Amino acid sequence: MLHHGAFSLQLQQVGLKAESLETVCHDHDDRVDGAVAITESKLVLTAKIPGAPEETFRAAAEAAKEGCPVSKLYNTRILLEARLVA
């Protein structure tokens, strides 16, 4: 899906310089009013950002989630699991 790519681009724009980013999106769909709808989207981020403090990384990941154009487009719950690796 488009969501993981848009989120990764947004994360790069909030100022952290990543050596690597891996973002996977898991969408959950269900029937709503007789039609299939995405009811939840979970972004799973693994990032290698040398020298980044954990709290700065978490704040940047949350800001990227809120600023992501696809997250804004979805009318659903957006979850974020973010890991900073060495």
Protein backbone atom coordinates (compact mmCIF):
# COMPACT_ATOMS: atom_id res chain seq x y z
CA MET A 1 0.00 0.00 0.00
CA LEU A 2 0.89 3.61 -0.35
CA HIS A 3 0.74 4.34 3.38
CA HIS A 4 4.17 3.01 4.40
CA GLY A 5 5.97 4.98 1.66
CA ALA A 6 4.21 8.25 2.45
CA PHE A 7 4.93 7.80 6.17
CA SER A 8 8.64 7.13 5.52
CA LEU A 9 8.93 10.24 3.35
CA GLN A 10 7.20 12.31 6.01
CA LEU A 11 9.58 11.00 8.69
CA GLN A 12 12.57 12.11 6.61
CA GLN A 13 11.08 15.59 6.36
CA VAL A 14 10.86 16.13 10.14
CA GLY A 15 14.64 16.46 10.37
CA LEU A 16 16.22 13.15 11.34
CA LYS A 17 18.79 11.72 8.94
CA ALA A 18 18.26 7.97 8.82
CA GLU A 19 20.84 5.45 7.72
CA SER A 20 17.94 3.07 7.08
CA LEU A 21 14.16 3.05 7.44
CA GLU A 22 11.91 0.06 7.08
CA THR A 23 8.19 0.73 7.33
CA VAL A 24 5.54 -1.91 6.93
CA CYS A 25 1.82 -1.19 6.95
CA HIS A 26 -0.78 -3.69 8.13
CA ASP A 27 -4.31 -2.67 7.22
CA HIS A 28 -7.30 -4.33 8.82
CA ASP A 29 -10.51 -4.36 6.88
CA ASP A 30 -14.02 -5.23 7.91
CA ARG A 31 -17.56 -4.75 6.70
CA VAL A 32 -19.00 -1.35 7.58
CA ASP A 33 -22.55 -0.54 6.49
CA GLY A 34 -22.48 -3.54 4.14
CA ALA A 35 -19.24 -2.56 2.36
CA VAL A 36 -15.60 -3.45 2.95
CA ALA A 37 -13.68 -0.64 4.66
CA ILE A 38 -10.23 -0.21 6.19
CA THR A 39 -10.96 0.00 9.90
CA GLU A 40 -7.40 0.22 11.21
CA SER A 41 -3.94 0.85 9.78
CA LYS A 42 -0.82 -0.09 11.75
CA LEU A 43 2.56 1.30 10.74
CA VAL A 44 5.56 -0.72 11.95
CA LEU A 45 8.78 1.29 11.70
CA THR A 46 12.32 0.06 12.25
CA ALA A 47 14.86 2.86 11.93
CA LYS A 48 18.63 3.14 12.17
CA ILE A 49 19.47 6.75 12.95
CA PRO A 50 22.98 7.15 14.35
CA GLY A 51 23.14 9.54 17.31
CA ALA A 52 19.38 10.06 17.58
CA PRO A 53 18.09 10.17 21.16
CA GLU A 54 15.15 7.80 21.75
CA GLU A 55 12.73 10.56 22.77
CA THR A 56 13.64 12.69 19.73
CA PHE A 57 13.05 9.67 17.49
CA ARG A 58 9.69 8.91 19.10
CA ALA A 59 8.55 12.53 18.77
CA ALA A 60 9.64 12.59 15.11
CA ALA A 61 7.85 9.30 14.37
CA GLU A 62 4.66 10.58 15.99
CA ALA A 63 4.90 13.88 14.08
CA ALA A 64 5.38 11.93 10.85
CA LYS A 65 2.30 9.83 11.61
CA GLU A 66 0.23 12.98 12.21
CA GLY A 67 1.64 14.77 9.15
CA CYS A 68 1.48 11.83 6.74
CA PRO A 69 -0.85 12.69 3.85
CA VAL A 70 -2.14 9.11 3.60
CA SER A 71 -2.80 8.95 7.37
CA LYS A 72 -4.86 12.12 6.95
CA LEU A 73 -6.71 10.62 4.01
CA TYR A 74 -7.72 7.45 5.85
CA ASN A 75 -10.85 7.82 7.92
CA THR A 76 -9.64 5.22 10.39
CA ARG A 77 -7.54 4.56 13.45
CA ILE A 78 -3.79 4.81 12.77
CA LEU A 79 -1.45 2.86 15.07
CA LEU A 80 2.34 3.23 15.20
CA GLU A 81 4.96 0.81 16.46
CA ALA A 82 8.40 2.43 16.19
CA ARG A 83 11.77 0.85 16.98
CA LEU A 84 15.14 2.56 16.93
CA VAL A 85 17.96 0.10 16.31
CA ALA A 86 21.72 0.45 16.66
